[in-house]
Amino acid sequence: MSYLNRCRVKSANALYQFITEVVQFCLNHDMVVVIENPRSSLYWRTSFFAPIRKCLKFTAHQACAYGSERPKWTVLAHNTTTLHEVCKTCPGLSRTHKHKPWGVSVGPDASRKFSTSEETAYPMLLAYTMAYAIAQHLMHKGWQPPPAQLTPPDRVSFQYLRAIAGSQPKASKLPPLLSEFESIIRVPVSLSSPQVEIGQVLQQPFASVPAGARLLKRPPLRLNGDSNDCKIGPVNLDCGDNLKDDNTHWAYFGVYRSCEAFVEAAVEAGHPVSKANRLPLVLQEAVDAIAAKPVFQLAKERHATLSYWLERAKALNPAESCLHSSLPEALGRILAPKRLLLWKEMLIHYGYPDVEVYDEVVTGIHLAGTAPTVPSFDPCFKPAKVSTKELADSARASRGAMLSSIRS
């Protein structure tokens, strides 16, 4: 080997040896272990991996099944009971599912790089699915999760993933402090006898499941009992003692709380005012302010605030009229009911970090070109696919194509 290749092999061997030592330490201390590497990696065939091979389980998946743009194969070697669910493969090429080519890609700045470098980050859905599976494994080991209930990966939306990752737009729905089910019951069902659809409520008791329980697609990541993954369709209510293993599936039923049990659990959960880490900071400040002040003082402060801004609105009326008369006709019709100067004064008064938003509303924004940095949001870089000139040159044809695609 050349000197450079010898250095690379030496570094890889040192890393592989270190991984083996870490994994052995984790296995000896009952810790969760997950090793991720490409399916074609030589690591799986090395002597470094051999001592830990029999202690781990394996699952493979393709990244494009989780939102990536290339069908990259990845293997996970782990000691969990749940990561075997991360095993989706490419659904096949279609009009809605296409792959980017491998090889060398050219960036917007004419830079050249290997396409494999673009596949190093997990797609968001893959990251969420793995986190969901590990959380399930930890529950099997006795971990008690917080009241927030995770949504199963097959029922999450891209907007939900953006929200939990802290990206805009943020979800306004707070996690529930109290679950809707008192317990989750798992029962074996066969492939014969009457069916029950997912989401249907039992009209009659079935095995150990009381009437009124609801059939779930899979158990939520909380509450008591075993919560093994279970992807089920309509199930058949047959719980005979002689069910064969190859003909048996598990069904999960959620048992609702009674009115009395719900009230008792709500009292035990406590008021959100005591759950500071579960509320957004602004909402927590509002709750604290209301809880700490007498009713008469709160009413007095609200009255004073409203009176102040009503007086400011009256004082700004002449200037508002002058501003609205100077706006273009089309824009003026849209902004007619808006008290723009009052809004700007409130932004300044309360220290809003992006007062420039007033100018964008009054003068308009550029639909193309470089977007300015907004103090309220984390900066990011997204290269343009075409230049503004190319966009203008193709605008007429694009507009015609868009209009022709509209169905009345």
Protein backbone atom coordinates (compact mmCIF):
# COMPACT_ATOMS: atom_id res chain seq x y z
CA MET A 1 0.00 0.00 0.00
CA SER A 2 0.99 3.57 -0.48
CA TYR A 3 1.88 5.70 2.54
CA LEU A 4 -1.48 7.48 2.40
CA ASN A 5 -3.42 4.20 2.28
CA ARG A 6 -1.36 2.75 5.13
CA CYS A 7 -2.28 5.78 7.25
CA ARG A 8 -5.94 5.40 6.37
CA VAL A 9 -5.97 1.68 7.21
CA LYS A 10 -4.14 2.32 10.49
CA SER A 11 -6.70 4.98 11.48
CA ALA A 12 -9.60 2.69 10.54
CA ASN A 13 -8.15 -0.19 12.56
CA ALA A 14 -7.73 2.06 15.61
CA LEU A 15 -11.33 3.22 15.28
CA TYR A 16 -12.62 -0.36 14.88
CA GLN A 17 -10.69 -1.51 17.95
CA PHE A 18 -12.10 1.39 19.96
CA ILE A 19 -15.66 0.56 18.82
CA THR A 20 -15.23 -3.05 19.94
CA GLU A 21 -14.03 -1.97 23.40
CA VAL A 22 -16.92 0.49 23.79
CA VAL A 23 -19.52 -2.09 22.71
CA GLN A 24 -18.13 -4.73 25.06
CA PHE A 25 -18.23 -2.24 27.94
CA CYS A 26 -21.85 -1.33 27.11
CA LEU A 27 -22.93 -4.96 26.83
CA ASN A 28 -21.32 -5.77 30.19
CA HIS A 29 -23.23 -2.87 31.80
CA ASP A 30 -26.62 -3.58 30.13
CA MET A 31 -26.55 -0.46 27.95
CA VAL A 32 -28.20 0.09 24.58
CA VAL A 33 -25.82 -0.47 21.67
CA VAL A 34 -26.39 0.50 18.03
CA ILE A 35 -23.64 0.32 15.41
CA GLU A 36 -24.45 1.92 12.05
CA ASN A 37 -22.46 1.37 8.89
CA PRO A 38 -23.12 0.91 5.15
CA ARG A 39 -24.18 -2.61 4.23
CA SER A 40 -21.14 -2.94 1.95
CA SER A 41 -18.67 -1.79 4.61
CA LEU A 42 -15.64 -4.01 5.21
CA TYR A 43 -16.09 -3.44 8.95
CA TRP A 44 -18.65 -6.25 9.19
CA ARG A 45 -15.98 -8.71 7.92
CA THR A 46 -13.09 -7.60 10.15
CA SER A 47 -11.61 -9.45 13.11
CA PHE A 48 -12.51 -6.43 15.26
CA PHE A 49 -16.23 -7.06 14.79
CA ALA A 50 -16.02 -10.84 15.22
CA PRO A 51 -16.01 -10.89 19.10
CA ILE A 52 -19.27 -8.93 19.32
CA ARG A 53 -21.08 -10.37 16.28
CA LYS A 54 -23.01 -13.02 18.21
CA CYS A 55 -24.12 -10.51 20.86
CA LEU A 56 -25.99 -8.27 18.44
CA LYS A 57 -29.01 -8.40 16.14
CA PHE A 58 -29.10 -6.97 12.65
CA THR A 59 -31.50 -4.98 10.51
CA ALA A 60 -31.02 -3.28 7.15
CA HIS A 61 -32.88 -0.45 5.44
CA GLN A 62 -32.72 1.85 2.45
CA ALA A 63 -32.62 5.57 3.12
CA CYS A 64 -34.95 6.43 0.22
CA ALA A 65 -37.78 4.62 2.02
CA TYR A 66 -37.52 7.30 4.72
CA GLY A 67 -37.32 10.37 2.52
CA SER A 68 -33.76 10.37 1.19
CA GLU A 69 -33.10 10.91 -2.52
CA ARG A 70 -30.82 7.89 -2.99
CA PRO A 71 -31.39 4.18 -2.21
CA LYS A 72 -28.48 3.94 0.25
CA TRP A 73 -28.33 0.60 2.11
CA THR A 74 -27.46 0.81 5.81
CA VAL A 75 -27.10 -1.92 8.43
CA LEU A 76 -27.79 -1.47 12.14
CA ALA A 77 -26.19 -3.93 14.57
CA HIS A 78 -27.92 -3.56 17.93
CA ASN A 79 -29.03 -5.27 21.14
CA THR A 80 -32.59 -3.90 21.25
CA THR A 81 -35.91 -5.66 20.84
CA THR A 82 -37.45 -2.95 18.70
CA LEU A 83 -34.99 -1.61 16.10
CA HIS A 84 -35.82 -4.52 13.82
CA GLU A 85 -38.78 -2.38 12.72
CA VAL A 86 -36.35 -0.04 10.93
CA CYS A 87 -36.25 -2.29 7.89
CA LYS A 88 -38.07 -0.47 5.09
CA THR A 89 -36.72 -0.79 1.57
CA CYS A 90 -37.20 1.18 -1.62
CA PRO A 91 -40.87 1.15 -2.69
CA GLY A 92 -39.79 1.14 -6.33
CA LEU A 93 -39.28 3.89 -8.88
CA SER A 94 -42.42 5.77 -9.84
CA ARG A 95 -43.69 9.22 -10.73
CA THR A 96 -43.54 10.21 -7.05
CA HIS A 97 -40.42 8.24 -6.09
CA LYS A 98 -37.23 8.95 -8.02
CA HIS A 99 -33.54 8.54 -7.25
CA LYS A 100 -30.60 10.87 -7.73
CA PRO A 101 -27.58 9.30 -9.46
CA TRP A 102 -24.43 8.19 -7.64
CA GLY A 103 -20.98 9.48 -8.56
CA VAL A 104 -19.63 13.02 -8.54
CA SER A 105 -22.11 15.87 -8.25
CA VAL A 106 -21.53 19.53 -9.14
CA GLY A 107 -22.78 22.17 -6.68
CA PRO A 108 -24.24 25.63 -7.42
CA ASP A 109 -20.77 27.12 -7.01
CA ALA A 110 -19.31 24.64 -9.55
CA SER A 111 -17.65 22.67 -6.76
CA ARG A 112 -17.35 18.90 -7.27
CA LYS A 113 -18.00 16.35 -4.55
CA PHE A 114 -18.93 12.70 -4.21
CA SER A 115 -22.66 12.10 -3.94
CA THR A 116 -22.06 9.85 -0.92
CA SER A 117 -21.20 12.98 1.08
CA GLU A 118 -24.80 14.14 0.57
CA GLU A 119 -26.14 10.98 2.23
CA THR A 120 -24.39 11.29 5.60
CA ALA A 121 -27.31 12.88 7.47
CA TYR A 122 -30.34 10.86 8.49
CA PRO A 123 -33.63 11.75 6.80
CA MET A 124 -35.92 13.24 9.43
CA LEU A 125 -38.39 10.34 9.30
CA LEU A 126 -35.57 7.81 9.76
CA ALA A 127 -34.25 9.67 12.79
CA TYR A 128 -37.74 9.82 14.28
CA THR A 129 -38.39 6.12 13.61
CA MET A 130 -35.13 5.12 15.30
CA ALA A 131 -35.84 7.36 18.29
CA TYR A 132 -39.33 5.88 18.58
CA ALA A 133 -37.96 2.33 18.50
CA ILE A 134 -35.29 3.07 21.13
CA ALA A 135 -37.90 4.70 23.37
CA GLN A 136 -39.97 1.52 23.11
CA HIS A 137 -36.96 -0.59 24.05
CA LEU A 138 -36.29 1.59 27.08
CA MET A 139 -39.91 1.14 28.18
CA HIS A 140 -39.43 -2.61 28.04
CA LYS A 141 -36.43 -2.11 30.33
CA GLY A 142 -38.56 -0.24 32.88
CA TRP A 143 -38.22 3.40 31.83
CA GLN A 144 -41.21 5.54 32.76
CA PRO A 145 -41.73 8.13 30.00
CA PRO A 146 -43.02 11.66 30.64
CA PRO A 147 -46.72 12.35 30.03
CA ALA A 148 -46.13 13.44 26.41
CA GLN A 149 -47.27 10.70 24.04
CA LEU A 150 -45.19 10.03 20.94
CA THR A 151 -46.96 9.49 17.66
CA PRO A 152 -46.05 6.23 15.87
CA PRO A 153 -43.80 6.81 12.83
CA ASP A 154 -46.40 5.58 10.35
CA ARG A 155 -48.81 8.29 11.49
CA VAL A 156 -46.55 11.35 11.69
CA SER A 157 -46.61 14.15 9.15
CA PHE A 158 -43.64 16.09 7.83
CA GLN A 159 -44.97 19.19 9.59
CA TYR A 160 -45.01 17.28 12.89
CA LEU A 161 -41.39 16.20 12.39
CA ARG A 162 -40.38 19.79 11.67
CA ALA A 163 -42.15 20.91 14.82
CA ILE A 164 -40.45 18.44 17.18
CA ALA A 165 -37.10 19.25 15.58
CA GLY A 166 -37.60 22.93 16.40
CA SER A 167 -38.00 24.04 12.81
CA GLN A 168 -40.64 26.45 11.53
CA PRO A 169 -43.57 26.17 11.44
CA LYS A 170 -43.92 25.15 15.08
CA ALA A 171 -46.89 23.09 16.24
CA SER A 172 -49.16 24.87 18.68
CA LYS A 173 -50.57 21.68 20.18
CA LEU A 174 -49.14 20.91 23.60
CA PRO A 175 -48.47 17.33 24.70
CA PRO A 176 -51.28 15.97 26.88
CA LEU A 177 -50.70 15.81 30.62
CA LEU A 178 -53.13 12.92 30.85
CA SER A 179 -53.55 9.94 28.54
CA GLU A 180 -56.98 9.08 27.17
CA PHE A 181 -56.60 5.38 28.04
CA GLU A 182 -56.32 3.94 31.53
CA SER A 183 -54.55 0.84 30.25
CA ILE A 184 -53.53 -1.01 27.10
CA ILE A 185 -54.45 -4.70 26.89
CA ARG A 186 -52.70 -7.08 24.50
CA VAL A 187 -54.56 -10.22 23.43
CA PRO A 188 -53.85 -12.92 20.84
CA VAL A 189 -56.15 -13.08 17.83
CA SER A 190 -56.40 -15.56 14.98
CA LEU A 191 -56.93 -15.13 11.25
CA SER A 192 -60.40 -16.66 11.42
CA SER A 193 -63.72 -15.65 13.02
CA PRO A 194 -65.46 -12.20 13.13
CA GLN A 195 -63.41 -9.09 12.36
CA VAL A 196 -63.02 -5.81 14.25
CA GLU A 197 -61.80 -2.75 12.35
CA ILE A 198 -59.03 -0.49 13.69
CA GLY A 199 -60.58 2.33 15.72
CA GLN A 200 -63.77 0.38 16.38
CA VAL A 201 -65.13 0.17 19.94
CA LEU A 202 -66.07 -3.24 21.32
CA GLN A 203 -69.78 -3.64 21.89
CA GLN A 204 -69.30 -6.86 23.88
CA PRO A 205 -66.47 -8.00 26.19
CA PHE A 206 -63.77 -10.03 24.46
CA ALA A 207 -61.36 -12.23 26.46
CA SER A 208 -59.91 -9.92 29.14
CA VAL A 209 -60.96 -6.79 27.23
CA PRO A 210 -64.07 -5.01 28.55
CA ALA A 211 -66.82 -3.60 26.36
CA GLY A 212 -66.12 -0.01 25.27
CA ALA A 213 -62.39 -0.61 24.61
CA ARG A 214 -61.01 0.61 21.28
CA LEU A 215 -58.84 -1.41 18.89
CA LEU A 216 -55.53 0.40 18.30
CA LYS A 217 -53.21 0.17 15.33
CA ARG A 218 -50.28 -0.11 17.69
CA PRO A 219 -49.79 0.69 21.37
CA PRO A 220 -48.80 4.23 22.35
CA LEU A 221 -45.38 4.74 23.97
CA ARG A 222 -46.67 5.02 27.49
CA LEU A 223 -48.92 3.37 30.05
CA ASN A 224 -48.53 -0.09 31.53
CA GLY A 225 -47.99 -3.48 30.04
CA ASP A 226 -45.98 -4.85 27.17
CA SER A 227 -45.86 -2.53 24.18
CA ASN A 228 -44.26 -4.60 21.43
CA ASP A 229 -44.70 -3.18 17.96
CA CYS A 230 -47.72 -4.48 16.16
CA LYS A 231 -48.84 -3.47 12.69
CA ILE A 232 -52.32 -4.91 12.37
CA GLY A 233 -55.26 -4.59 10.06
CA PRO A 234 -58.78 -5.76 10.92
CA VAL A 235 -58.46 -8.48 13.58
CA ASN A 236 -60.55 -11.54 14.28
CA LEU A 237 -61.90 -12.06 17.76
CA ASP A 238 -60.88 -15.61 18.53
CA CYS A 239 -58.94 -16.26 21.71
CA GLY A 240 -59.06 -20.05 21.88
CA ASP A 241 -56.41 -21.82 23.92
CA ASN A 242 -55.10 -23.77 20.93
CA LEU A 243 -53.99 -20.90 18.69
CA LYS A 244 -51.01 -21.88 16.57
CA ASP A 245 -47.96 -19.63 16.48
CA ASP A 246 -48.13 -19.24 12.70
CA ASN A 247 -51.79 -18.23 12.89
CA THR A 248 -51.63 -15.86 15.85
CA HIS A 249 -51.33 -12.09 15.91
CA TRP A 250 -51.41 -9.64 18.77
CA ALA A 251 -54.09 -7.00 19.00
CA TYR A 252 -53.95 -4.00 21.32
CA PHE A 253 -57.03 -2.50 22.90
CA GLY A 254 -57.15 0.83 24.70
CA VAL A 255 -59.41 0.85 27.77
CA TYR A 256 -60.86 4.30 28.43
CA ARG A 257 -60.92 5.81 31.91
CA SER A 258 -64.19 6.13 33.76
CA CYS A 259 -65.33 9.67 34.63
CA GLU A 260 -64.27 9.21 38.26
CA ALA A 261 -60.88 7.72 37.30
CA PHE A 262 -60.25 10.54 34.84
CA VAL A 263 -60.90 13.20 37.49
CA GLU A 264 -58.65 11.41 39.99
CA ALA A 265 -55.84 11.11 37.42
CA ALA A 266 -56.26 14.77 36.44
CA VAL A 267 -55.94 15.84 40.07
CA GLU A 268 -52.83 13.68 40.43
CA ALA A 269 -51.29 15.13 37.23
CA GLY A 270 -51.71 18.64 38.61
CA HIS A 271 -52.29 21.99 36.98
CA PRO A 272 -50.03 23.01 34.06
CA VAL A 273 -48.75 25.89 36.20
CA SER A 274 -46.57 23.33 37.99
CA LYS A 275 -45.25 21.81 34.74
CA ALA A 276 -42.92 24.58 33.61
CA ASN A 277 -40.83 22.33 31.38
CA ARG A 278 -43.89 21.30 29.37
CA LEU A 279 -45.09 24.75 28.34
CA PRO A 280 -43.56 27.24 25.91
CA LEU A 281 -41.77 30.03 27.76
CA VAL A 282 -44.18 32.79 26.67
CA LEU A 283 -47.21 30.75 27.71
CA GLN A 284 -45.54 29.83 31.02
CA GLU A 285 -44.92 33.51 31.79
CA ALA A 286 -48.58 34.29 31.09
CA VAL A 287 -49.78 31.46 33.33
CA ASP A 288 -47.44 32.52 36.13
CA ALA A 289 -48.55 36.15 35.88
CA ILE A 290 -52.25 35.25 36.06
CA ALA A 291 -51.75 32.78 38.90
CA ALA A 292 -49.67 35.17 41.01
CA LYS A 293 -51.90 38.27 40.85
CA PRO A 294 -55.28 38.97 42.49
CA VAL A 295 -58.20 39.18 40.10
CA PHE A 296 -58.78 42.91 40.70
CA GLN A 297 -55.12 43.75 39.99
CA LEU A 298 -55.14 41.69 36.80
CA ALA A 299 -58.33 43.43 35.62
CA LYS A 300 -56.85 46.83 36.45
CA GLU A 301 -53.67 46.13 34.44
CA ARG A 302 -55.65 44.84 31.45
CA HIS A 303 -57.90 47.89 31.53
CA ALA A 304 -54.92 50.24 31.68
CA THR A 305 -53.18 48.48 28.77
CA LEU A 306 -56.26 48.55 26.55
CA SER A 307 -56.97 52.19 27.42
CA TYR A 308 -53.39 53.19 26.53
CA TRP A 309 -53.48 51.54 23.10
CA LEU A 310 -56.97 52.82 22.30
CA GLU A 311 -55.75 56.36 22.98
CA ARG A 312 -52.68 55.78 20.80
CA ALA A 313 -54.94 54.46 18.01
CA LYS A 314 -57.02 57.66 18.11
CA ALA A 315 -53.92 59.86 18.11
CA LEU A 316 -52.48 58.02 15.09
CA ASN A 317 -55.68 58.13 13.02
CA PRO A 318 -54.66 61.15 10.85
CA ALA A 319 -51.27 59.63 10.09
CA GLU A 320 -52.90 56.25 9.37
CA SER A 321 -55.23 57.87 6.82
CA CYS A 322 -52.30 59.62 5.14
CA LEU A 323 -50.33 56.37 4.96
CA HIS A 324 -53.23 54.38 3.48
CA SER A 325 -53.90 57.04 0.84
CA SER A 326 -50.29 56.76 -0.35
CA LEU A 327 -50.45 52.98 -0.91
CA PRO A 328 -50.98 51.50 -4.40
CA GLU A 329 -54.63 50.72 -5.09
CA ALA A 330 -54.32 46.94 -5.02
CA LEU A 331 -52.28 46.98 -1.80
CA GLY A 332 -54.51 49.63 -0.26
CA ARG A 333 -57.60 47.43 -0.61
CA ILE A 334 -55.87 44.56 1.20
CA LEU A 335 -54.48 46.71 4.04
CA ALA A 336 -57.54 48.97 4.40
CA PRO A 337 -58.70 47.59 7.79
CA LYS A 338 -55.17 47.45 9.25
CA ARG A 339 -53.87 50.04 11.72
CA LEU A 340 -50.34 49.83 10.42
CA LEU A 341 -48.70 52.67 12.40
CA LEU A 342 -50.27 51.43 15.62
CA TRP A 343 -48.92 47.96 14.87
CA LYS A 344 -45.42 49.34 14.26
CA GLU A 345 -45.53 51.31 17.52
CA MET A 346 -46.54 48.16 19.42
CA LEU A 347 -43.68 46.19 17.83
CA ILE A 348 -41.21 48.81 19.04
CA HIS A 349 -42.86 49.21 22.44
CA TYR A 350 -42.68 45.49 23.25
CA GLY A 351 -39.18 45.00 21.81
CA TYR A 352 -40.10 42.73 18.92
CA PRO A 353 -36.77 41.65 17.33
CA ASP A 354 -37.89 42.06 13.70
CA VAL A 355 -39.48 45.49 13.34
CA GLU A 356 -38.52 45.40 9.65
CA VAL A 357 -41.54 43.18 9.09
CA TYR A 358 -43.58 46.42 9.06
CA ASP A 359 -41.68 47.66 6.00
CA GLU A 360 -42.23 44.33 4.21
CA VAL A 361 -45.99 44.54 4.76
CA VAL A 362 -46.24 48.19 3.65
CA THR A 363 -43.84 48.10 0.69
CA GLY A 364 -44.05 44.42 -0.29
CA ILE A 365 -41.46 41.67 -0.45
CA HIS A 366 -39.30 40.23 -3.21
CA LEU A 367 -40.54 36.85 -4.40
CA ALA A 368 -37.13 35.95 -5.80
CA GLY A 369 -33.53 36.65 -4.88
CA THR A 370 -31.63 36.45 -1.61
CA ALA A 371 -33.87 36.38 1.46
CA PRO A 372 -32.76 38.58 4.39
CA THR A 373 -31.83 37.09 7.74
CA VAL A 374 -34.70 37.28 10.23
CA PRO A 375 -33.68 37.67 13.90
CA SER A 376 -36.58 35.49 15.11
CA PHE A 377 -35.49 32.43 13.10
CA ASP A 378 -32.25 30.46 12.93
CA PRO A 379 -30.32 31.34 9.76
CA CYS A 380 -29.96 28.67 7.09
CA PHE A 381 -28.60 28.38 3.57
CA LYS A 382 -30.70 27.06 0.70
CA PRO A 383 -29.15 27.58 -2.73
CA ALA A 384 -31.37 28.76 -5.55
CA LYS A 385 -32.14 26.27 -8.32
CA VAL A 386 -32.24 28.99 -10.99
CA SER A 387 -31.09 32.59 -11.22
CA THR A 388 -33.57 35.47 -11.13
CA LYS A 389 -32.90 36.08 -14.84
CA GLU A 390 -33.68 32.46 -15.72
CA LEU A 391 -36.85 32.70 -13.63
CA ALA A 392 -37.94 35.84 -15.48
CA ASP A 393 -37.17 34.32 -18.89
CA SER A 394 -39.26 31.22 -18.16
CA ALA A 395 -42.06 33.03 -16.30
CA ARG A 396 -44.43 33.33 -19.26
CA ALA A 397 -44.21 29.62 -20.13
CA SER A 398 -44.37 28.53 -16.48
CA ARG A 399 -47.42 30.69 -15.85
CA GLY A 400 -49.20 29.22 -18.87
CA ALA A 401 -48.36 25.68 -17.81
CA MET A 402 -49.62 26.37 -14.29
CA LEU A 403 -52.91 27.82 -15.51
CA SER A 404 -53.45 24.94 -17.94
CA SER A 405 -53.06 22.43 -15.10
CA ILE A 406 -55.92 23.95 -13.09
CA ARG A 407 -59.20 22.03 -13.10
CA SER A 408 -62.43 23.96 -12.58
